[in-house]
C-alpha atoms as a PDB file:
ATOM      1  CA  MET A   1    -128.514 262.615   2.119  1.00  0.00           C
ATOM      2  CA  GLU A   2    -126.815 259.039   2.540  1.00  0.00           C
ATOM      3  CA  LEU A   3    -123.369 258.816   3.471  1.00  0.00           C
ATOM      4  CA  TYR A   4    -121.289 256.760   0.979  1.00  0.00           C
ATOM      5  CA  TYR A   5    -118.322 254.431   2.612  1.00  0.00           C
ATOM      6  CA  ASP A   6    -116.275 251.909   0.837  1.00  0.00           C
ATOM      7  CA  GLU A   7    -117.812 248.329   0.991  1.00  0.00           C
ATOM      8  CA  ASN A   8    -114.789 247.238   2.977  1.00  0.00           C
ATOM      9  CA  LEU A   9    -115.019 250.226   5.479  1.00  0.00           C
ATOM     10  CA  ALA A  10    -118.947 249.913   5.786  1.00  0.00           C
ATOM     11  CA  ALA A  11    -118.476 246.095   6.544  1.00  0.00           C
ATOM     12  CA  GLN A  12    -115.738 246.777   9.273  1.00  0.00           C
ATOM     13  CA  ILE A  13    -118.289 249.324  10.878  1.00  0.00           C
ATOM     14  CA  LEU A  14    -121.206 247.331  10.670  1.00  0.00           C
ATOM     15  CA  LEU A  15    -119.363 244.430  12.438  1.00  0.00           C
ATOM     16  CA  ASN A  16    -117.946 246.780  15.493  1.00  0.00           C
ATOM     17  CA  GLU A  17    -121.459 248.048  15.684  1.00  0.00           C
ATOM     18  CA  VAL A  18    -122.973 244.704  16.167  1.00  0.00           C
ATOM     19  CA  LEU A  19    -119.965 243.286  18.599  1.00  0.00           C
ATOM     20  CA  LYS A  20    -120.442 246.580  20.529  1.00  0.00           C
ATOM     21  CA  GLU A  21    -124.256 245.969  20.756  1.00  0.00           C
ATOM     22  CA  LEU A  22    -123.633 242.504  21.811  1.00  0.00           C
ATOM     23  CA  LYS A  23    -120.937 243.513  24.311  1.00  0.00           C
ATOM     24  CA  LEU A  24    -118.665 241.537  22.863  1.00  0.00           C
ATOM     25  CA  SER A  25    -114.752 242.487  22.577  1.00  0.00           C
ATOM     26  CA  GLY A  26    -112.916 241.852  19.114  1.00  0.00           C
ATOM     27  CA  LYS A  27    -111.115 238.712  20.476  1.00  0.00           C
ATOM     28  CA  THR A  28    -111.333 236.039  18.353  1.00  0.00           C
ATOM     29  CA  GLU A  29    -111.962 233.600  21.626  1.00  0.00           C
ATOM     30  CA  GLU A  30    -114.846 235.359  22.287  1.00  0.00           C
ATOM     31  CA  ILE A  31    -116.354 235.479  19.087  1.00  0.00           C
ATOM     32  CA  VAL A  32    -116.121 232.023  18.692  1.00  0.00           C
ATOM     33  CA  LYS A  33    -117.018 230.631  21.961  1.00  0.00           C
ATOM     34  CA  ASN A  34    -120.794 229.883  23.171  1.00  0.00           C
ATOM     35  CA  SER A  35    -122.073 230.346  19.664  1.00  0.00           C
ATOM     36  CA  ASN A  36    -121.497 234.013  19.476  1.00  0.00           C
ATOM     37  CA  ILE A  37    -120.450 233.648  15.711  1.00  0.00           C
ATOM     38  CA  GLU A  38    -124.228 232.632  14.901  1.00  0.00           C
ATOM     39  CA  ARG A  39    -125.360 235.334  17.309  1.00  0.00           C
ATOM     40  CA  ILE A  40    -123.201 237.854  15.294  1.00  0.00           C
ATOM     41  CA  LEU A  41    -124.304 236.486  11.814  1.00  0.00           C
ATOM     42  CA  ARG A  42    -127.968 236.557  12.440  1.00  0.00           C
ATOM     43  CA  LYS A  43    -127.674 240.077  13.900  1.00  0.00           C
ATOM     44  CA  LEU A  44    -125.484 241.187  10.693  1.00  0.00           C
ATOM     45  CA  ASN A  45    -128.045 239.776   8.212  1.00  0.00           C
ATOM     46  CA  ARG A  46    -130.981 241.225   9.724  1.00  0.00           C
ATOM     47  CA  ILE A  47    -129.461 244.638   9.744  1.00  0.00           C
ATOM     48  CA  ILE A  48    -128.121 244.307   6.207  1.00  0.00           C
ATOM     49  CA  LYS A  49    -131.519 243.193   4.930  1.00  0.00           C
ATOM     50  CA  ARG A  50    -133.093 246.445   6.714  1.00  0.00           C
ATOM     51  CA  ARG A  51    -130.789 248.801   5.549  1.00  0.00           C
ATOM     52  CA  TYR A  52    -129.266 247.974   1.970  1.00  0.00           C
ATOM     53  CA  SER A  53    -130.317 246.913  -1.689  1.00  0.00           C
ATOM     54  CA  VAL A  54    -130.165 243.637  -2.643  1.00  0.00           C
ATOM     55  CA  VAL A  55    -126.950 244.351  -4.666  1.00  0.00           C
ATOM     56  CA  LYS A  56    -125.221 245.863  -1.691  1.00  0.00           C
ATOM     57  CA  GLN A  57    -126.341 242.979   0.644  1.00  0.00           C
ATOM     58  CA  GLY A  58    -124.094 240.439  -1.339  1.00  0.00           C
ATOM     59  CA  VAL A  59    -120.939 242.816  -1.303  1.00  0.00           C
ATOM     60  CA  LEU A  60    -121.390 243.645   2.280  1.00  0.00           C
ATOM     61  CA  LYS A  61    -121.713 239.815   3.321  1.00  0.00           C
ATOM     62  CA  LYS A  62    -118.629 238.813   1.070  1.00  0.00           C
ATOM     63  CA  ASN A  63    -116.835 241.474   2.893  1.00  0.00           C
ATOM     64  CA  ILE A  64    -118.028 240.856   6.671  1.00  0.00           C
ATOM     65  CA  PHE A  65    -117.174 236.975   5.744  1.00  0.00           C
ATOM     66  CA  SER A  66    -113.469 238.221   4.372  1.00  0.00           C
ATOM     67  CA  ILE A  67    -112.952 240.305   7.370  1.00  0.00           C
ATOM     68  CA  LEU A  68    -113.773 237.531   9.973  1.00  0.00           C
ATOM     69  CA  ARG A  69    -111.802 234.962   7.895  1.00  0.00           C
ATOM     70  CA  ASN A  70    -108.670 237.493   7.517  1.00  0.00           C
ATOM     71  CA  ASP A  71    -108.576 239.579  10.712  1.00  0.00           C
ATOM     72  CA  TYR A  72    -110.051 237.048  13.481  1.00  0.00           C
ATOM     73  CA  GLY A  73    -108.895 233.481  11.524  1.00  0.00           C
ATOM     74  CA  ILE A  74    -112.450 232.160  11.555  1.00  0.00           C
ATOM     75  CA  GLN A  75    -112.630 229.496   9.040  1.00  0.00           C
ATOM     76  CA  PHE A  76    -116.347 228.751   7.439  1.00  0.00           C
END
């Protein structure tokens, strides 16, 4: 049985998982420096494509960008 999370919560959990895997703290400066944001987005994209249906992929990506913009102040 698959666990169901709200899309915002799922996006936050996924982002935290990637930050932990890449050994990055949640600080904005560390996320932005040395092209870490590109590494984070590539890793997130690979995980999302592997785990989720096409419909959920769009929602999760939108929520992740929203989290990065609102919580970390990163502009795209």
